[in-house]
Amino acid sequence: MSEPRLDRAVVLVELDRLEAARAELAALLAVEPDNADAHAHVAHTWLRSADFATASAAARTALRHDPEHLFAWVLLALSEHGLFDRLTDTDRIAALAHQDEAVRAAYTCVDLNPWAAECHRVLAVVLAPRDREAALAAVDVGIELDPQEPLLYITRARVLWHGAEADAQRAAAFRAALEQALRLEPDNAEAMYLLGADAARSGRRADAERWLLRAAELEPAHGPAARELLRQVPDPSGSLRDPAVRREYLGGPSAGGARRSSTGVIAVLVFLFVVGLARAVSGVDTDDASTRPTTTLRPPLTNYKPQPLPNFPEWSRYLTARPTPPLPAWPQHVPR
């Protein structure tokens, strides 16, 4: 009886019908309250809803019934990591306690199944805020185990993000990871979003527009974050001033914004006319420009201050916890 309900719940979760999935699982748990699989899938629904506290509690319930339930340990690690991320700016002590729990759970995942690339990816995710070199080592093990999984390369890029702007080698590794993710999955919106964020941070407006517009086209949830990133980069070409482009991909201002831009241009022209008139009246030689400092209406890139990378809009994509396929037991002749 339990298998059909579990299967239906899994399908409903994949369809993002989380309430319906919980209803199926609740009916199953009413008959089998000690079913660890059902409790783990309940935790998965709450993780995808970004209710990390409830997800953590459900994962712990699953582990009480089955202390070696790998999927439950994965869910616990990601839920505690979500709580750490949410509390970092408001309650540092509580956040660090959740981080400790996340790291402990992730290491348990690796101990239970060292052959599963997903376990090493989860370990990299939770280690990244604490020890980026250890996180890189963890995700690299995952890539060795499953070199065809795009999410591993995206995780590697996220670990490399911090510090890449000041380290050319790190920046190259960041881009290489995302390019590999796109080779494996050409329509991967997150890889495009991260490449766009990197271009925005570097002041490469054309590249930022290209990647962020495409990411927003594939995943509309990217629109607000993409617009915020592009707002921080000087726009010499004005290529995003087309109201149709703003509305379709970025949700930006329409004709009203264009009118305000026109008004600003007129104001600048009037200002320049007044300045020229004042110079003529004061007798300044307009031909002698060598001794006057030059100015620009566009802020130079050296004044551009990069912002922290915005959180990816879909927690369910960044922190997706998928049951790992069964793998052979650890060989007896190989030391742990």
Protein backbone atom coordinates (compact mmCIF):
# COMPACT_ATOMS: atom_id res chain seq x y z
CA MET A 1 0.00 0.00 0.00
CA SER A 2 2.81 2.39 0.84
CA GLU A 3 4.66 2.16 -2.50
CA PRO A 4 1.88 3.58 -4.74
CA ARG A 5 1.31 6.50 -2.37
CA LEU A 6 5.03 7.22 -2.15
CA ASP A 7 5.35 7.09 -5.93
CA ARG A 8 2.42 9.48 -6.35
CA ALA A 9 3.93 11.85 -3.78
CA VAL A 10 7.29 11.87 -5.58
CA VAL A 11 5.60 12.71 -8.89
CA LEU A 12 3.59 15.49 -7.24
CA VAL A 13 6.77 16.98 -5.76
CA GLU A 14 8.42 16.99 -9.18
CA LEU A 15 5.35 18.80 -10.53
CA ASP A 16 5.74 21.30 -7.67
CA ARG A 17 2.31 20.35 -6.31
CA LEU A 18 3.63 20.32 -2.79
CA GLU A 19 0.33 20.52 -0.89
CA ALA A 20 -1.05 17.56 -2.82
CA ALA A 21 2.15 15.62 -2.12
CA ARG A 22 1.84 16.33 1.61
CA ALA A 23 -1.76 15.11 1.54
CA GLU A 24 -0.67 11.80 0.00
CA LEU A 25 2.11 11.43 2.54
CA ALA A 26 -0.18 12.33 5.45
CA ALA A 27 -2.59 9.59 4.39
CA LEU A 28 0.29 7.12 4.27
CA LEU A 29 1.66 8.19 7.67
CA ALA A 30 -1.78 7.83 9.23
CA VAL A 31 -1.49 4.12 8.47
CA GLU A 32 2.29 3.72 8.82
CA PRO A 33 3.52 6.39 11.26
CA ASP A 34 7.01 4.85 11.38
CA ASN A 35 7.58 4.99 7.61
CA ALA A 36 10.94 6.76 7.31
CA ASP A 37 10.63 7.19 3.54
CA ALA A 38 7.35 9.06 3.95
CA HIS A 39 8.79 11.36 6.61
CA ALA A 40 11.80 12.05 4.37
CA HIS A 41 9.58 13.01 1.45
CA VAL A 42 7.56 15.27 3.74
CA ALA A 43 10.85 16.97 4.60
CA HIS A 44 11.58 17.34 0.88
CA THR A 45 8.28 19.16 0.28
CA TRP A 46 9.06 21.63 3.07
CA LEU A 47 12.60 22.17 1.80
CA ARG A 48 11.24 23.04 -1.63
CA SER A 49 8.87 25.47 0.08
CA ALA A 50 11.88 27.08 1.82
CA ASP A 51 10.37 26.23 5.23
CA PHE A 52 13.70 25.03 6.55
CA ALA A 53 12.71 24.59 10.19
CA THR A 54 9.80 22.28 9.34
CA ALA A 55 11.95 20.43 6.80
CA SER A 56 14.65 19.87 9.42
CA ALA A 57 12.11 18.54 11.94
CA ALA A 58 10.63 16.13 9.39
CA ALA A 59 14.08 14.88 8.38
CA ARG A 60 14.96 14.25 12.03
CA THR A 61 11.72 12.29 12.43
CA ALA A 62 12.71 10.11 9.48
CA LEU A 63 16.13 9.52 11.05
CA ARG A 64 14.58 8.47 14.34
CA HIS A 65 12.88 5.64 12.46
CA ASP A 66 15.91 4.86 10.28
CA PRO A 67 19.24 6.34 11.47
CA GLU A 68 20.96 5.43 8.18
CA HIS A 69 18.37 6.91 5.83
CA LEU A 70 20.65 8.67 3.34
CA PHE A 71 17.98 10.87 1.76
CA ALA A 72 16.92 12.10 5.20
CA TRP A 73 20.52 13.02 6.04
CA VAL A 74 20.81 14.96 2.76
CA LEU A 75 17.58 16.82 3.55
CA LEU A 76 18.73 17.55 7.09
CA ALA A 77 22.03 18.99 5.82
CA LEU A 78 20.31 21.26 3.30
CA SER A 79 17.58 22.34 5.72
CA GLU A 80 20.09 23.29 8.40
CA HIS A 81 22.13 25.11 5.76
CA GLY A 82 19.02 27.05 4.79
CA LEU A 83 18.47 28.04 8.44
CA PHE A 84 22.10 29.14 8.69
CA ASP A 85 21.74 31.27 5.56
CA ARG A 86 18.51 32.83 6.78
CA LEU A 87 19.80 33.71 10.26
CA THR A 88 23.32 34.85 9.35
CA ASP A 89 22.48 38.56 9.44
CA THR A 90 20.09 38.50 12.41
CA ASP A 91 21.32 35.90 14.90
CA ARG A 92 24.92 34.93 14.29
CA ILE A 93 25.17 32.49 17.21
CA ALA A 94 22.06 30.55 16.16
CA ALA A 95 23.23 30.64 12.54
CA LEU A 96 26.58 29.06 13.43
CA ALA A 97 24.82 26.33 15.42
CA HIS A 98 22.74 25.47 12.34
CA GLN A 99 25.88 25.52 10.22
CA ASP A 100 27.53 23.02 12.57
CA GLU A 101 24.48 20.75 12.21
CA ALA A 102 24.54 21.09 8.43
CA VAL A 103 28.23 20.19 8.18
CA ARG A 104 27.80 17.25 10.56
CA ALA A 105 24.86 15.92 8.52
CA ALA A 106 26.71 16.38 5.22
CA TYR A 107 29.74 14.45 6.46
CA THR A 108 27.38 11.69 7.57
CA CYS A 109 26.00 11.55 4.02
CA VAL A 110 29.50 11.04 2.64
CA ASP A 111 30.24 8.37 5.26
CA LEU A 112 27.04 6.50 4.39
CA ASN A 113 27.66 6.56 0.63
CA PRO A 114 31.08 7.85 -0.46
CA TRP A 115 30.33 6.78 -4.05
CA ALA A 116 27.40 9.18 -4.47
CA ALA A 117 28.40 12.43 -6.19
CA GLU A 118 25.34 14.15 -4.72
CA CYS A 119 26.65 13.58 -1.19
CA HIS A 120 29.90 15.35 -2.03
CA ARG A 121 27.97 18.19 -3.68
CA VAL A 122 25.87 18.67 -0.56
CA LEU A 123 29.04 18.70 1.54
CA ALA A 124 30.47 21.40 -0.75
CA VAL A 125 27.31 23.51 -0.43
CA VAL A 126 27.35 23.52 3.36
CA LEU A 127 31.14 23.92 3.66
CA ALA A 128 31.35 26.87 1.27
CA PRO A 129 30.63 29.65 3.83
CA ARG A 130 33.10 28.13 6.31
CA ASP A 131 36.00 26.68 4.31
CA ARG A 132 36.00 27.34 0.58
CA GLU A 133 39.06 25.24 -0.16
CA ALA A 134 37.49 22.24 1.58
CA ALA A 135 34.27 22.91 -0.33
CA LEU A 136 36.20 22.93 -3.62
CA ALA A 137 37.86 19.65 -2.72
CA ALA A 138 34.47 18.12 -1.93
CA VAL A 139 32.80 19.18 -5.17
CA ASP A 140 35.84 18.06 -7.17
CA VAL A 141 35.40 14.57 -5.73
CA GLY A 142 31.78 14.72 -6.84
CA ILE A 143 32.84 15.73 -10.36
CA GLU A 144 35.24 12.79 -10.52
CA LEU A 145 32.37 10.47 -9.57
CA ASP A 146 29.84 11.99 -11.99
CA PRO A 147 31.48 14.25 -14.58
CA GLN A 148 28.24 14.55 -16.60
CA GLU A 149 26.17 16.28 -13.87
CA PRO A 150 25.79 20.04 -14.63
CA LEU A 151 24.74 20.87 -11.07
CA LEU A 152 28.17 19.86 -9.79
CA TYR A 153 29.87 22.44 -12.02
CA ILE A 154 27.37 25.10 -10.97
CA THR A 155 28.10 24.30 -7.33
CA ARG A 156 31.82 24.62 -8.07
CA ALA A 157 31.22 28.01 -9.66
CA ARG A 158 29.24 29.22 -6.64
CA VAL A 159 32.09 28.23 -4.35
CA LEU A 160 34.54 30.11 -6.58
CA TRP A 161 32.39 33.25 -6.83
CA HIS A 162 33.79 34.95 -3.73
CA GLY A 163 37.27 36.19 -4.39
CA ALA A 164 37.11 35.66 -8.15
CA GLU A 165 37.05 39.41 -8.85
CA ALA A 166 40.53 39.78 -7.31
CA ASP A 167 42.06 36.53 -8.54
CA ALA A 168 42.40 35.96 -12.28
CA GLN A 169 43.00 32.24 -11.87
CA ARG A 170 39.92 31.86 -9.67
CA ALA A 171 37.85 33.91 -12.12
CA ALA A 172 38.95 31.69 -15.00
CA ALA A 173 38.05 28.57 -13.03
CA PHE A 174 34.65 30.09 -12.21
CA ARG A 175 33.86 30.71 -15.89
CA ALA A 176 35.25 27.34 -16.96
CA ALA A 177 32.92 25.54 -14.55
CA LEU A 178 29.88 27.37 -15.90
CA GLU A 179 30.93 26.83 -19.51
CA GLN A 180 31.19 23.11 -18.81
CA ALA A 181 27.72 23.15 -17.23
CA LEU A 182 26.38 24.77 -20.41
CA ARG A 183 28.13 22.22 -22.60
CA LEU A 184 26.32 19.50 -20.68
CA GLU A 185 23.01 21.41 -20.52
CA PRO A 186 22.88 24.26 -23.06
CA ASP A 187 19.66 25.74 -21.63
CA ASN A 188 20.79 25.81 -18.00
CA ALA A 189 19.35 29.10 -16.75
CA GLU A 190 21.37 29.18 -13.54
CA ALA A 191 24.69 28.89 -15.38
CA MET A 192 23.64 31.78 -17.63
CA TYR A 193 22.53 33.83 -14.64
CA LEU A 194 25.87 33.34 -12.90
CA LEU A 195 27.83 34.22 -16.03
CA GLY A 196 25.71 37.36 -16.32
CA ALA A 197 26.33 38.22 -12.68
CA ASP A 198 30.07 37.81 -13.23
CA ALA A 199 29.95 40.06 -16.30
CA ALA A 200 27.97 42.68 -14.36
CA ARG A 201 30.51 42.60 -11.55
CA SER A 202 33.31 43.12 -14.08
CA GLY A 203 31.48 45.98 -15.78
CA ARG A 204 31.09 44.07 -19.07
CA ARG A 205 27.65 45.42 -19.93
CA ALA A 206 27.16 43.63 -23.27
CA ASP A 207 28.00 40.21 -21.82
CA ALA A 208 25.85 40.88 -18.76
CA GLU A 209 22.86 41.76 -20.92
CA ARG A 210 23.32 38.73 -23.15
CA TRP A 211 23.47 36.20 -20.32
CA LEU A 212 20.95 37.79 -17.97
CA LEU A 213 18.33 38.35 -20.67
CA ARG A 214 18.62 34.73 -21.77
CA ALA A 215 18.43 33.48 -18.18
CA ALA A 216 15.33 35.60 -17.57
CA GLU A 217 13.78 34.27 -20.77
CA LEU A 218 14.31 30.67 -19.66
CA GLU A 219 13.44 31.32 -15.99
CA PRO A 220 11.16 34.35 -15.50
CA ALA A 221 12.00 34.31 -11.79
CA HIS A 222 15.40 35.71 -12.77
CA GLY A 223 13.87 38.95 -14.05
CA PRO A 224 14.00 41.08 -10.86
CA ALA A 225 17.52 39.99 -9.90
CA ALA A 226 18.76 40.48 -13.46
CA ARG A 227 17.30 43.98 -13.57
CA GLU A 228 18.99 44.86 -10.27
CA LEU A 229 22.36 43.62 -11.52
CA LEU A 230 22.11 45.53 -14.79
CA ARG A 231 21.11 48.70 -12.97
CA GLN A 232 24.53 48.68 -11.28
CA VAL A 233 26.51 48.57 -14.53
CA PRO A 234 27.13 51.64 -16.75
CA ASP A 235 25.06 51.45 -19.95
CA PRO A 236 27.00 53.16 -22.79
CA SER A 237 24.82 51.75 -25.58
CA GLY A 238 21.35 52.09 -24.07
CA SER A 239 20.44 48.68 -25.49
CA LEU A 240 17.98 47.99 -22.68
CA ARG A 241 16.11 51.24 -23.19
CA ASP A 242 13.60 49.49 -25.47
CA PRO A 243 10.45 49.30 -23.30
CA ALA A 244 9.38 46.02 -24.93
CA VAL A 245 12.63 44.34 -23.89
CA ARG A 246 12.31 45.59 -20.32
CA ARG A 247 8.69 44.47 -20.01
CA GLU A 248 9.20 41.04 -21.56
CA TYR A 249 12.36 39.92 -19.80
CA LEU A 250 13.13 42.20 -16.87
CA GLY A 251 9.82 43.71 -15.83
CA GLY A 252 11.36 47.20 -16.10
CA PRO A 253 9.68 50.57 -16.68
CA SER A 254 7.66 51.14 -19.83
CA ALA A 255 6.93 54.34 -21.72
CA GLY A 256 6.90 56.44 -18.55
CA GLY A 257 10.53 55.50 -17.93
CA ALA A 258 11.38 56.49 -21.50
CA ARG A 259 9.76 59.89 -20.99
CA ARG A 260 11.77 60.41 -17.81
CA SER A 261 14.96 59.48 -19.71
CA SER A 262 14.12 62.02 -22.43
CA THR A 263 13.53 64.68 -19.79
CA GLY A 264 16.92 63.91 -18.26
CA VAL A 265 18.66 64.23 -21.63
CA ILE A 266 17.00 67.62 -22.23
CA ALA A 267 18.10 68.78 -18.77
CA VAL A 268 21.70 67.76 -19.51
CA LEU A 269 21.66 69.63 -22.84
CA VAL A 270 20.28 72.77 -21.16
CA PHE A 271 23.00 72.51 -18.50
CA LEU A 272 25.74 72.22 -21.13
CA PHE A 273 24.31 75.22 -23.02
CA VAL A 274 24.29 77.33 -19.85
CA VAL A 275 27.88 76.31 -19.02
CA GLY A 276 29.01 77.23 -22.54
CA LEU A 277 27.26 80.58 -22.34
CA ALA A 278 28.88 81.33 -18.97
CA ARG A 279 32.32 80.54 -20.37
CA ALA A 280 31.72 82.82 -23.34
CA VAL A 281 30.62 85.68 -21.08
CA SER A 282 33.58 85.22 -18.72
CA GLY A 283 36.04 85.28 -21.58
CA VAL A 284 37.32 81.73 -21.26
CA ASP A 285 39.06 80.64 -24.43
CA THR A 286 37.03 77.63 -25.57
CA ASP A 287 39.80 76.55 -27.92
CA ASP A 288 42.30 76.13 -25.08
CA ALA A 289 41.07 72.76 -23.86
CA SER A 290 44.47 71.32 -22.92
CA THR A 291 44.51 72.86 -19.46
CA ARG A 292 40.93 72.00 -18.53
CA PRO A 293 40.09 68.72 -16.81
CA THR A 294 37.97 66.38 -18.91
CA THR A 295 34.69 65.04 -17.53
CA THR A 296 32.28 62.31 -18.54
CA LEU A 297 28.56 61.96 -18.06
CA ARG A 298 29.03 58.22 -17.51
CA PRO A 299 30.72 57.02 -14.31
CA PRO A 300 34.01 55.30 -15.05
CA LEU A 301 34.24 51.57 -14.40
CA THR A 302 36.80 52.18 -11.66
CA ASN A 303 33.99 53.73 -9.60
CA TYR A 304 31.75 50.69 -10.05
CA LYS A 305 31.41 48.84 -6.75
CA PRO A 306 30.33 45.22 -7.20
CA GLN A 307 27.47 44.00 -5.04
CA PRO A 308 27.22 40.57 -3.42
CA LEU A 309 25.79 37.90 -5.69
CA PRO A 310 22.01 37.81 -5.19
CA ASN A 311 20.54 34.55 -4.00
CA PHE A 312 19.34 32.36 -6.84
CA PRO A 313 15.55 32.79 -6.98
CA GLU A 314 14.77 29.06 -6.80
CA TRP A 315 15.91 27.38 -3.59
CA SER A 316 14.47 24.17 -5.01
CA ARG A 317 17.01 24.30 -7.84
CA TYR A 318 20.07 25.36 -5.87
CA LEU A 319 19.36 23.04 -2.95
CA THR A 320 17.49 20.26 -4.71
CA ALA A 321 17.92 17.07 -2.75
CA ARG A 322 17.34 14.04 -4.92
CA PRO A 323 17.43 10.45 -3.69
CA THR A 324 20.71 8.92 -4.77
CA PRO A 325 20.55 5.68 -6.77
CA PRO A 326 21.61 2.53 -4.94
CA LEU A 327 25.32 1.92 -5.27
CA PRO A 328 27.57 -0.99 -4.34
CA ALA A 329 28.61 -1.28 -0.73
CA TRP A 330 32.03 0.02 0.21
CA PRO A 331 34.58 -2.64 -0.84
CA GLN A 332 35.87 -4.52 2.17
CA HIS A 333 39.48 -4.43 0.97
CA VAL A 334 39.53 -0.62 0.63
CA PRO A 335 40.21 1.26 3.89
CA ARG A 336 37.69 3.96 4.76
